[in-house]
């Protein structure tokens, strides 16, 4: 990153929170304690993310979203496991959970977006098709 990129990143809040029809949702670029993902670390086991799940819960939320992992679909992580799902629509639970999904940036992965439906409490990972 350039010096200007780093300076801009310092101005961005570590996380944002929103309330969608009573569902309090936590948004961050990556997982606590490295919310900006300065280190390039991608643990594969759910227990590596207990600190982040606890951080979500301690702040009064049950659901967190991040995008840094650039996953093709949507991964749903709780305290016991990481469920890696392909693009599609999934019902969310009321337990503490962290979701991460696709990116819209140029990459070697299949890009996409995640859409939260707060009325039905579902998440849909939709691929972006480039021609």
Foldseek 3Di string as FASTA:
>chain_A
DDPVVVVVVVVDDQWDWDADPNAIEIEFQDFPPCRVCPDPDDDAWLCVRPVRLVVQVVVPHQEYEHENVQAQAKWKHDNHGIDRDHFAKAADDRHRIYMYHHDPDDDPDFHWDWDADSVRRMIGTDTDDDD
